[in-house]
Amino acid sequence: MIIDADCHISSRQAPGQMGVDDLLRQMDALGVDRAVCWPMVAYDREMASDMRTIYDGAQRHPDRVIPFGGVNPKLGLQEAQDELKRCIEVYGVKGVKLNGARDGYYIDDPKLSLPLVDMIAEAGIALAFHCGSNDFERTHPYRIAKISRRHPDLPIMIVHMGGSGRPSITDAVIDLAREHPTWYLIDSEADYRQVLAAVQALGADRICYGSDTPFCPMRFEFGLRGVVYQDLSPAERANVMGGNIAHMLGTES
């Protein structure tokens, strides 16, 4: 099974935005079975309408769409907590993504982020973080390590594995991932040499394919990763291209 672990869904019909049906067409063209979907988010950072679209898509296509939540505490912590509760209790999300780079907060902020992290950990679902040097300070992996020490059993997806922006901070991600076995590195936007270094350092069971669609067209990333992973064994390729994320989320069946 092939699973794309990084896709963004929008409720808006505008250039550069993508709805569930658009995503499914791209997946069908490449033979991608399932996709992790989180909000794309408008410029006003409002996420509720995108979350509703993801939920509706997962209801219509439960075997294709893996719903993830998205909240923004900079719009108000109580509002974010209310939306997070809806994501967990009503939408049944498999995890939640927090993006301090886009929304402008430190991902370990004790007042803005950690109350949300605690809710996610208590719900027993996965947590995804944008991690890259396009916002070096607010999304640095040492902040994610602090969260793992707070919740050592919490599965965490490191989206872009530190490779979003230049210079990359992937080396720091790899170093810290050695100490935190619950981290899964999502390869979207990461340089192929750093992806291979992560496979060598951590093993093929800690790396997951993701395209960052529609910011990167799915066919580009899918084709590139087919080359990057060609020297892995068939079992290792199967894990990277979907098995690892399915295992982490409990969606193997």
Protein backbone atom coordinates (compact mmCIF):
# COMPACT_ATOMS: atom_id res chain seq x y z
CA MET A 1 0.00 0.00 0.00
CA ILE A 2 1.29 3.45 -0.95
CA ILE A 3 0.42 6.30 1.41
CA ASP A 4 1.31 9.94 0.84
CA ALA A 5 1.96 11.35 4.32
CA ASP A 6 1.76 15.06 3.45
CA CYS A 7 -1.22 16.47 1.53
CA HIS A 8 -3.06 19.76 2.04
CA ILE A 9 -6.80 20.14 1.44
CA SER A 10 -8.66 23.39 0.90
CA SER A 11 -12.35 24.24 1.06
CA ARG A 12 -11.80 27.12 -1.38
CA GLN A 13 -11.92 27.07 -5.17
CA ALA A 14 -8.94 29.19 -6.17
CA PRO A 15 -5.66 28.79 -8.05
CA GLY A 16 -3.20 26.72 -6.07
CA GLN A 17 -5.92 25.27 -3.82
CA MET A 18 -6.87 21.60 -3.90
CA GLY A 19 -10.01 19.78 -2.84
CA VAL A 20 -10.47 16.09 -2.07
CA ASP A 21 -11.63 15.16 -5.58
CA ASP A 22 -8.61 16.89 -7.12
CA LEU A 23 -6.34 14.97 -4.76
CA LEU A 24 -7.96 11.65 -5.60
CA ARG A 25 -7.41 12.22 -9.31
CA GLN A 26 -3.70 12.78 -8.69
CA MET A 27 -3.51 9.72 -6.48
CA ASP A 28 -5.28 7.55 -9.05
CA ALA A 29 -2.88 8.65 -11.79
CA LEU A 30 0.10 7.46 -9.74
CA GLY A 31 -1.35 4.45 -7.97
CA VAL A 32 -1.27 6.09 -4.52
CA ASP A 33 -3.74 4.29 -2.27
CA ARG A 34 -4.21 6.67 0.66
CA ALA A 35 -3.20 10.16 1.76
CA VAL A 36 -2.78 11.96 5.06
CA CYS A 37 -4.78 15.17 4.66
CA TRP A 38 -4.54 18.32 6.76
CA PRO A 39 -5.80 21.88 6.23
CA MET A 40 -4.22 24.04 3.55
CA VAL A 41 -5.38 27.24 5.28
CA ALA A 42 -6.33 30.60 3.83
CA TYR A 43 -4.34 33.76 4.43
CA ASP A 44 -6.55 34.59 7.38
CA ARG A 45 -5.34 31.31 8.96
CA GLU A 46 -8.92 30.11 9.49
CA MET A 47 -8.99 26.30 9.43
CA ALA A 48 -12.51 25.20 10.39
CA SER A 49 -13.87 25.13 6.83
CA ASP A 50 -10.89 23.12 5.59
CA MET A 51 -11.36 20.65 8.43
CA ARG A 52 -15.00 20.18 7.49
CA THR A 53 -13.97 19.50 3.90
CA ILE A 54 -11.43 16.89 5.04
CA TYR A 55 -14.01 15.24 7.27
CA ASP A 56 -16.56 15.11 4.45
CA GLY A 57 -13.91 13.64 2.15
CA ALA A 58 -13.01 10.97 4.69
CA GLN A 59 -16.68 10.10 5.09
CA ARG A 60 -17.06 9.67 1.34
CA HIS A 61 -13.71 7.93 0.85
CA PRO A 62 -12.76 6.24 4.15
CA ASP A 63 -10.36 3.92 2.35
CA ARG A 64 -8.47 6.80 0.69
CA VAL A 65 -8.48 9.87 2.97
CA ILE A 66 -6.70 9.76 6.34
CA PRO A 67 -8.02 12.83 8.19
CA PHE A 68 -5.69 14.97 10.29
CA GLY A 69 -6.69 18.04 12.23
CA GLY A 70 -5.17 21.50 12.17
CA VAL A 71 -5.53 24.31 14.70
CA ASN A 72 -3.99 27.75 15.16
CA PRO A 73 -3.61 29.00 18.76
CA LYS A 74 -2.65 32.49 17.55
CA LEU A 75 -6.33 32.98 16.72
CA GLY A 76 -7.12 32.34 20.36
CA LEU A 77 -6.25 29.37 22.56
CA GLN A 78 -9.85 28.65 23.54
CA GLU A 79 -10.95 28.67 19.91
CA ALA A 80 -8.09 26.31 19.04
CA GLN A 81 -9.00 23.99 21.89
CA ASP A 82 -12.65 23.96 20.81
CA GLU A 83 -11.68 23.12 17.22
CA LEU A 84 -9.24 20.47 18.42
CA LYS A 85 -11.97 18.88 20.54
CA ARG A 86 -14.22 18.84 17.46
CA CYS A 87 -11.46 17.26 15.38
CA ILE A 88 -10.97 14.49 17.95
CA GLU A 89 -14.51 13.81 19.10
CA VAL A 90 -16.57 14.56 15.97
CA TYR A 91 -14.22 14.18 13.02
CA GLY A 92 -12.29 11.23 14.41
CA VAL A 93 -8.92 12.46 13.14
CA LYS A 94 -5.90 10.15 13.23
CA GLY A 95 -3.65 13.01 14.27
CA VAL A 96 -3.16 16.77 14.36
CA LYS A 97 -0.61 19.03 12.69
CA LEU A 98 0.77 22.16 14.34
CA ASN A 99 2.64 24.66 12.17
CA GLY A 100 4.46 27.31 14.15
CA ALA A 101 6.27 28.57 11.05
CA ARG A 102 3.10 29.45 9.19
CA ASP A 103 1.11 30.64 12.18
CA GLY A 104 3.86 32.42 14.10
CA TYR A 105 4.35 30.71 17.46
CA TYR A 106 6.98 28.57 19.18
CA ILE A 107 5.91 24.96 18.98
CA ASP A 108 6.84 24.40 22.64
CA ASP A 109 5.21 27.62 23.87
CA PRO A 110 3.82 26.78 27.34
CA LYS A 111 0.76 28.98 26.86
CA LEU A 112 -0.08 28.53 23.17
CA SER A 113 1.20 25.13 22.08
CA LEU A 114 1.64 22.81 25.06
CA PRO A 115 -2.05 22.89 26.12
CA LEU A 116 -2.89 21.60 22.62
CA VAL A 117 -0.07 19.05 22.68
CA ASP A 118 -1.37 17.74 26.01
CA MET A 119 -4.88 17.31 24.55
CA ILE A 120 -3.47 15.44 21.55
CA ALA A 121 -1.40 13.14 23.76
CA GLU A 122 -4.37 12.45 26.03
CA ALA A 123 -6.48 11.52 22.99
CA GLY A 124 -3.90 8.91 21.96
CA ILE A 125 -3.47 10.18 18.40
CA ALA A 126 -0.40 11.30 16.44
CA LEU A 127 1.13 14.78 16.41
CA ALA A 128 2.74 16.29 13.30
CA PHE A 129 5.04 19.31 13.26
CA HIS A 130 6.30 21.40 10.39
CA CYS A 131 10.07 21.45 10.92
CA GLY A 132 12.41 23.53 8.79
CA SER A 133 14.82 26.41 8.64
CA ASN A 134 12.21 28.67 7.03
CA ASP A 135 11.39 29.33 10.70
CA PHE A 136 14.52 28.05 12.40
CA GLU A 137 13.79 29.19 15.95
CA ARG A 138 10.12 28.40 16.29
CA THR A 139 10.20 24.94 14.69
CA HIS A 140 13.66 23.68 15.67
CA PRO A 141 13.82 19.93 16.43
CA TYR A 142 15.21 20.56 19.91
CA ARG A 143 11.79 22.01 20.73
CA ILE A 144 10.16 18.82 19.45
CA ALA A 145 12.57 16.83 21.64
CA LYS A 146 11.32 18.79 24.66
CA ILE A 147 7.78 17.73 23.79
CA SER A 148 8.86 14.09 23.43
CA ARG A 149 10.39 14.24 26.89
CA ARG A 150 7.07 15.55 28.17
CA HIS A 151 5.12 12.82 26.32
CA PRO A 152 7.57 9.99 25.58
CA ASP A 153 4.94 7.67 24.06
CA LEU A 154 3.45 10.26 21.72
CA PRO A 155 4.05 9.38 18.02
CA ILE A 156 5.41 12.46 16.24
CA MET A 157 5.70 13.12 12.50
CA ILE A 158 8.57 15.47 11.59
CA VAL A 159 7.21 16.99 8.39
CA HIS A 160 9.99 17.99 5.93
CA MET A 161 12.49 16.46 8.43
CA GLY A 162 14.13 19.87 8.80
CA GLY A 163 14.56 20.34 5.06
CA SER A 164 12.05 23.11 4.38
CA GLY A 165 14.18 26.16 3.61
CA ARG A 166 17.93 26.64 3.45
CA PRO A 167 20.24 25.83 5.09
CA SER A 168 18.68 22.55 6.10
CA ILE A 169 18.53 21.47 9.72
CA THR A 170 18.06 17.80 8.83
CA ASP A 171 21.30 16.76 10.58
CA ALA A 172 19.88 18.00 13.87
CA VAL A 173 16.63 16.13 13.21
CA ILE A 174 18.52 12.89 12.56
CA ASP A 175 20.67 13.28 15.66
CA LEU A 176 17.67 13.86 17.90
CA ALA A 177 15.61 11.14 16.22
CA ARG A 178 18.19 8.61 17.41
CA GLU A 179 17.14 9.48 20.96
CA HIS A 180 13.39 9.52 20.26
CA PRO A 181 12.10 6.28 18.68
CA THR A 182 8.56 7.66 18.39
CA TRP A 183 9.66 10.14 15.70
CA TYR A 184 8.82 9.44 12.07
CA LEU A 185 10.54 11.61 9.46
CA ILE A 186 8.36 12.72 6.53
CA ASP A 187 10.58 13.22 3.48
CA SER A 188 8.58 15.93 1.69
CA GLU A 189 10.74 18.88 0.56
CA ALA A 190 13.91 17.18 1.91
CA ASP A 191 17.06 16.88 -0.22
CA TYR A 192 17.59 13.34 -1.48
CA ARG A 193 21.08 13.12 0.04
CA GLN A 194 19.70 13.95 3.47
CA VAL A 195 16.86 11.49 3.02
CA LEU A 196 19.36 8.73 2.27
CA ALA A 197 21.46 9.81 5.26
CA ALA A 198 18.36 9.49 7.46
CA VAL A 199 17.65 6.00 6.12
CA GLN A 200 21.24 4.97 6.82
CA ALA A 201 21.27 6.45 10.32
CA LEU A 202 17.80 5.46 11.51
CA GLY A 203 16.73 2.59 9.27
CA ALA A 204 13.99 2.42 6.66
CA ASP A 205 11.29 1.93 9.29
CA ARG A 206 11.56 5.55 10.51
CA ILE A 207 11.17 7.37 7.15
CA CYS A 208 7.87 8.06 5.36
CA TYR A 209 7.10 9.28 1.86
CA GLY A 210 5.20 12.55 1.56
CA SER A 211 4.72 14.92 -1.36
CA ASP A 212 3.55 18.24 0.19
CA THR A 213 0.82 18.35 -2.46
CA PRO A 214 -0.20 20.82 -3.86
CA PHE A 215 2.83 22.93 -2.87
CA CYS A 216 4.87 20.30 -4.72
CA PRO A 217 2.99 18.42 -7.45
CA MET A 218 2.51 14.86 -6.29
CA ARG A 219 3.91 13.38 -9.52
CA PHE A 220 7.24 15.20 -9.02
CA GLU A 221 7.87 14.00 -5.48
CA PHE A 222 6.52 10.53 -6.23
CA GLY A 223 8.84 10.15 -9.20
CA LEU A 224 11.85 11.49 -7.31
CA ARG A 225 11.34 9.18 -4.35
CA GLY A 226 11.05 6.22 -6.68
CA VAL A 227 14.63 6.92 -7.72
CA VAL A 228 15.90 7.79 -4.23
CA TYR A 229 14.65 4.54 -2.75
CA GLN A 230 15.46 2.22 -5.64
CA ASP A 231 18.39 0.58 -3.83
CA LEU A 232 16.32 -0.36 -0.79
CA SER A 233 14.98 -3.89 -0.51
CA PRO A 234 11.37 -4.42 -1.63
CA ALA A 235 10.31 -4.68 2.02
CA GLU A 236 12.12 -1.47 2.95
CA ARG A 237 10.59 0.41 0.00
CA ALA A 238 7.15 -0.82 0.99
CA ASN A 239 7.69 0.47 4.51
CA VAL A 240 8.91 3.91 3.43
CA MET A 241 6.18 4.33 0.80
CA GLY A 242 3.35 3.56 3.17
CA GLY A 243 3.94 0.75 5.63
CA ASN A 244 5.58 2.90 8.29
CA ILE A 245 2.89 5.55 8.40
CA ALA A 246 0.16 2.88 8.33
CA HIS A 247 1.78 1.15 11.29
CA MET A 248 2.18 4.39 13.23
CA LEU A 249 -1.46 5.36 12.68
CA GLY A 250 -2.88 1.85 13.06
CA THR A 251 -4.35 1.86 9.55
CA GLU A 252 -2.67 -1.28 8.13
CA SER A 253 -5.96 -2.98 7.26
